[in-house]
N, C-alpha and C. Protein backbone atom coordinates (compact mmCIF):
# COMPACT_ATOMS: atom_id res chain seq x y z
N UNK A 1 0.77 -1.16 0.07
CA UNK A 1 0.00 -0.15 0.06
C UNK A 1 0.86 1.25 -0.06
N UNK A 2 1.92 1.26 0.69
CA UNK A 2 2.97 2.30 0.87
C UNK A 2 3.74 2.53 -0.09
N UNK A 3 4.01 1.64 -1.11
CA UNK A 3 5.09 1.64 -1.86
C UNK A 3 5.15 2.68 -2.97
N UNK A 4 3.90 3.12 -3.28
CA UNK A 4 3.77 4.10 -4.32
C UNK A 4 3.90 5.52 -3.68
N UNK A 5 4.17 5.83 -2.49
CA UNK A 5 4.33 7.00 -1.70
C UNK A 5 5.68 7.53 -1.47
N UNK A 6 6.04 8.47 -2.08
CA UNK A 6 7.30 9.25 -1.84
C UNK A 6 7.56 9.89 -0.38
N UNK A 7 8.23 9.37 0.46
CA UNK A 7 8.37 9.58 1.84
C UNK A 7 9.75 10.59 1.94
N UNK A 8 10.31 10.91 0.71
CA UNK A 8 11.52 11.98 0.62
C UNK A 8 11.17 13.09 1.59
N UNK A 9 12.15 13.42 2.58
CA UNK A 9 13.54 12.86 2.57
C UNK A 9 13.64 11.74 3.67
N UNK A 10 12.54 11.27 3.91
CA UNK A 10 12.61 10.10 4.97
C UNK A 10 13.06 8.58 4.33
N UNK A 11 13.45 7.87 5.03
CA UNK A 11 13.92 6.40 4.77
C UNK A 11 12.99 5.53 5.46
N UNK A 12 12.27 4.72 4.61
CA UNK A 12 11.30 3.54 5.09
C UNK A 12 12.38 2.66 5.77
N UNK A 13 12.15 2.45 6.97
CA UNK A 13 13.11 1.53 7.89
C UNK A 13 12.13 0.00 8.11
N UNK A 14 10.92 0.12 8.06
CA UNK A 14 10.25 -1.07 8.35
C UNK A 14 8.73 -0.90 7.74
N UNK A 15 8.44 -2.14 6.92
CA UNK A 15 7.11 -1.96 6.04
C UNK A 15 6.54 -3.46 6.27
N UNK A 16 5.93 -3.65 7.26
CA UNK A 16 5.22 -4.94 7.40
C UNK A 16 3.72 -4.83 6.98
N UNK A 17 3.07 -3.71 6.22
CA UNK A 17 1.94 -3.71 5.90
C UNK A 17 1.73 -4.28 4.59
N UNK A 18 1.28 -5.55 4.71
CA UNK A 18 1.16 -6.40 3.50
C UNK A 18 -0.29 -6.72 3.22
N UNK A 19 -1.21 -6.03 3.70
CA UNK A 19 -2.73 -6.29 3.43
C UNK A 19 -3.30 -5.25 2.61
N UNK A 20 -4.51 -5.61 2.06
CA UNK A 20 -5.02 -4.61 1.10
C UNK A 20 -6.32 -4.35 1.68
N UNK A 21 -7.06 -3.10 1.23
CA UNK A 21 -8.44 -2.85 1.80
C UNK A 21 -9.44 -3.78 1.59
N UNK A 22 -9.28 -4.74 0.73
CA UNK A 22 -10.44 -5.53 0.53
C UNK A 22 -10.37 -6.58 1.71
N UNK A 23 -9.19 -6.98 2.22
CA UNK A 23 -9.30 -7.76 3.38
C UNK A 23 -9.67 -7.23 4.54
N UNK A 24 -9.45 -5.85 4.63
CA UNK A 24 -9.71 -5.23 5.98
C UNK A 24 -11.50 -4.96 5.89
N UNK A 25 -11.98 -4.75 4.69
CA UNK A 25 -13.41 -4.61 4.64
C UNK A 25 -14.10 -5.61 4.77
N UNK A 26 -13.62 -6.83 4.66
CA UNK A 26 -14.32 -8.14 5.02
C UNK A 26 -13.96 -8.51 6.39
N UNK A 27 -13.60 -7.71 7.30
CA UNK A 27 -13.33 -7.98 8.64
C UNK A 27 -12.23 -8.88 9.02
N UNK A 28 -11.49 -9.35 8.00
CA UNK A 28 -10.22 -10.17 8.41
C UNK A 28 -9.09 -9.23 8.58
N UNK A 29 -8.97 -9.03 10.07
CA UNK A 29 -7.72 -8.24 10.38
C UNK A 29 -6.68 -9.06 11.19
N UNK A 30 -6.56 -10.29 10.69
CA UNK A 30 -5.46 -11.37 11.49
C UNK A 30 -4.22 -10.52 11.27
N UNK A 31 -3.85 -10.19 9.88
CA UNK A 31 -2.60 -9.75 9.71
C UNK A 31 -2.30 -8.42 10.38
N UNK A 32 -3.35 -7.69 10.95
CA UNK A 32 -2.83 -6.44 11.49
C UNK A 32 -1.97 -6.61 12.67
N UNK A 33 -1.10 -5.66 12.81
CA UNK A 33 -0.11 -5.85 13.96
C UNK A 33 0.05 -4.30 14.37
N UNK A 34 0.65 -4.31 15.77
CA UNK A 34 1.02 -2.81 16.23
C UNK A 34 2.36 -2.20 15.52
N UNK A 35 3.30 -2.95 14.98
CA UNK A 35 4.34 -2.63 14.28
C UNK A 35 4.25 -2.85 12.89
N UNK A 36 3.82 -2.06 12.08
CA UNK A 36 3.55 -2.17 10.69
C UNK A 36 4.25 -1.24 9.79
N UNK A 37 4.72 -0.02 10.16
CA UNK A 37 5.33 0.77 9.17
C UNK A 37 6.04 2.03 9.85
N UNK A 38 7.28 2.16 9.42
CA UNK A 38 8.05 3.04 10.24
C UNK A 38 9.01 3.86 9.23
N UNK A 39 8.93 5.28 9.37
CA UNK A 39 9.84 6.01 8.35
C UNK A 39 10.78 6.90 9.33
N UNK A 40 11.77 6.95 8.88
CA UNK A 40 12.92 7.83 9.70
C UNK A 40 13.05 9.08 8.92
N UNK A 41 12.98 10.10 9.54
CA UNK A 41 13.37 11.57 8.90
C UNK A 41 14.63 12.23 9.57
N UNK A 42 15.12 13.29 8.76
CA UNK A 42 16.17 14.01 9.32
C UNK A 42 15.70 14.82 10.72
N UNK A 43 16.80 15.06 11.55
CA UNK A 43 16.54 15.86 12.82
C UNK A 43 15.65 14.91 13.82
N UNK A 44 15.84 13.66 13.72
CA UNK A 44 15.40 12.70 14.64
C UNK A 44 13.81 12.54 14.64
N UNK A 45 13.08 12.89 13.40
CA UNK A 45 11.61 12.84 13.31
C UNK A 45 11.43 11.30 12.94
N UNK A 46 10.23 10.86 13.04
CA UNK A 46 9.77 9.56 12.65
C UNK A 46 8.29 9.54 12.32
N UNK A 47 7.86 8.64 11.35
CA UNK A 47 6.34 8.39 11.10
C UNK A 47 6.19 6.93 11.58
N UNK A 48 5.19 6.75 12.13
CA UNK A 48 4.90 5.21 12.67
C UNK A 48 3.55 4.97 12.39
N UNK A 49 3.14 4.05 11.97
CA UNK A 49 1.70 3.49 11.56
C UNK A 49 1.79 1.99 12.21
N UNK A 50 0.64 1.62 13.09
CA UNK A 50 0.54 0.39 13.52
C UNK A 50 -1.23 0.31 13.87
N UNK A 51 -1.37 -0.97 14.25
CA UNK A 51 -2.90 -1.49 14.38
C UNK A 51 -2.84 -1.77 15.87
N UNK A 52 -3.95 -1.25 16.48
CA UNK A 52 -4.00 -1.47 18.07
C UNK A 52 -5.31 -2.17 18.27
N UNK A 53 -5.23 -3.40 18.65
CA UNK A 53 -6.42 -4.14 18.73
C UNK A 53 -7.30 -3.59 19.94
N UNK A 54 -6.73 -3.10 21.06
CA UNK A 54 -7.71 -2.72 21.97
C UNK A 54 -8.42 -1.56 21.63
N UNK A 55 -8.17 -0.75 20.81
CA UNK A 55 -9.04 0.27 20.11
C UNK A 55 -9.67 0.01 18.84
N UNK A 56 -9.40 -1.07 18.28
CA UNK A 56 -9.83 -1.50 16.75
C UNK A 56 -9.67 -0.35 16.07
N UNK A 57 -8.34 0.13 15.85
CA UNK A 57 -8.09 1.28 14.98
C UNK A 57 -6.47 1.42 14.83
N UNK A 58 -6.32 2.12 13.83
CA UNK A 58 -4.80 2.28 13.36
C UNK A 58 -4.46 3.69 13.96
N UNK A 59 -3.10 3.78 14.47
CA UNK A 59 -2.60 4.89 15.19
C UNK A 59 -1.65 5.21 14.34
N UNK A 60 -1.52 6.66 14.11
CA UNK A 60 -0.31 7.22 13.19
C UNK A 60 0.35 8.28 14.01
N UNK A 61 1.48 8.04 14.44
CA UNK A 61 2.35 8.83 15.28
C UNK A 61 3.43 9.60 14.37
N UNK A 62 3.73 10.79 14.70
CA UNK A 62 4.93 11.42 14.51
C UNK A 62 5.58 11.88 15.66
N UNK A 63 6.82 11.25 15.69
CA UNK A 63 7.70 11.66 17.26
C UNK A 63 8.75 12.19 16.59
N UNK A 64 9.39 12.84 17.85
CA UNK A 64 10.89 13.32 17.74
C UNK A 64 11.84 12.76 18.81
N UNK A 65 12.83 12.41 18.40
CA UNK A 65 13.87 11.57 19.36
C UNK A 65 13.14 10.24 20.03
N UNK A 66 12.31 9.75 19.29
CA UNK A 66 11.65 8.42 19.64
C UNK A 66 10.91 8.63 21.04
N UNK A 67 10.38 10.04 21.17
CA UNK A 67 9.65 10.24 22.31
C UNK A 67 8.15 9.96 22.24
N UNK A 68 7.96 8.64 22.59
CA UNK A 68 6.46 8.23 22.37
C UNK A 68 5.41 8.82 23.24
N UNK A 69 6.17 9.37 24.62
CA UNK A 69 5.25 9.80 25.55
C UNK A 69 4.80 11.09 25.35
N UNK A 70 5.32 11.85 24.33
CA UNK A 70 4.99 13.11 24.08
C UNK A 70 5.31 13.22 22.33
N UNK A 71 4.17 12.55 21.63
CA UNK A 71 4.46 12.73 20.22
C UNK A 71 4.07 14.03 19.65
N UNK A 72 4.56 14.46 18.45
CA UNK A 72 4.51 15.59 17.79
C UNK A 72 2.95 15.62 17.23
N UNK A 73 2.48 14.34 16.93
CA UNK A 73 1.11 14.09 16.42
C UNK A 73 0.76 12.82 16.70
N UNK A 74 -0.49 12.44 16.96
CA UNK A 74 -1.15 11.27 17.25
C UNK A 74 -2.49 11.37 16.53
N UNK A 75 -2.57 10.50 15.73
CA UNK A 75 -3.85 10.50 14.89
C UNK A 75 -4.45 9.02 15.03
N UNK A 76 -5.78 8.99 15.37
CA UNK A 76 -6.34 7.63 15.59
C UNK A 76 -7.23 7.45 14.30
N UNK A 77 -7.28 6.36 13.64
CA UNK A 77 -7.99 6.03 12.41
C UNK A 77 -8.87 4.85 12.70
N UNK A 78 -10.04 5.13 12.78
CA UNK A 78 -11.15 3.95 13.23
C UNK A 78 -11.44 3.09 12.00
N UNK A 79 -11.49 1.85 12.33
CA UNK A 79 -11.85 1.13 11.07
C UNK A 79 -13.30 0.64 11.17
N UNK A 80 -13.96 1.09 10.31
CA UNK A 80 -15.59 0.78 10.14
C UNK A 80 -15.87 0.01 9.15
N UNK A 81 -16.30 -1.11 9.41
CA UNK A 81 -16.66 -2.25 8.53
C UNK A 81 -18.22 -2.40 8.49
N UNK A 82 -18.92 -2.30 7.35
CA UNK A 82 -20.20 -2.47 7.14
C UNK A 82 -20.63 -3.95 6.80
């Protein structure tokens, strides 16, 4: 899913997001995991995407100096399946 996105000047360090939207839409979220996607950026910034089972949502973090307690941005993306 992220292969066609240019994250420059970041470097994709971890990409385990190997599912497609049709899988998610049919309620099959067994392949979703907390550590899915990570991009490192200059000045110690990072973009992180993961699935959090407790909230049934994706969380997107932008952090600096890997400070997860005080992220620059935290975005919760709910998964709604009809």
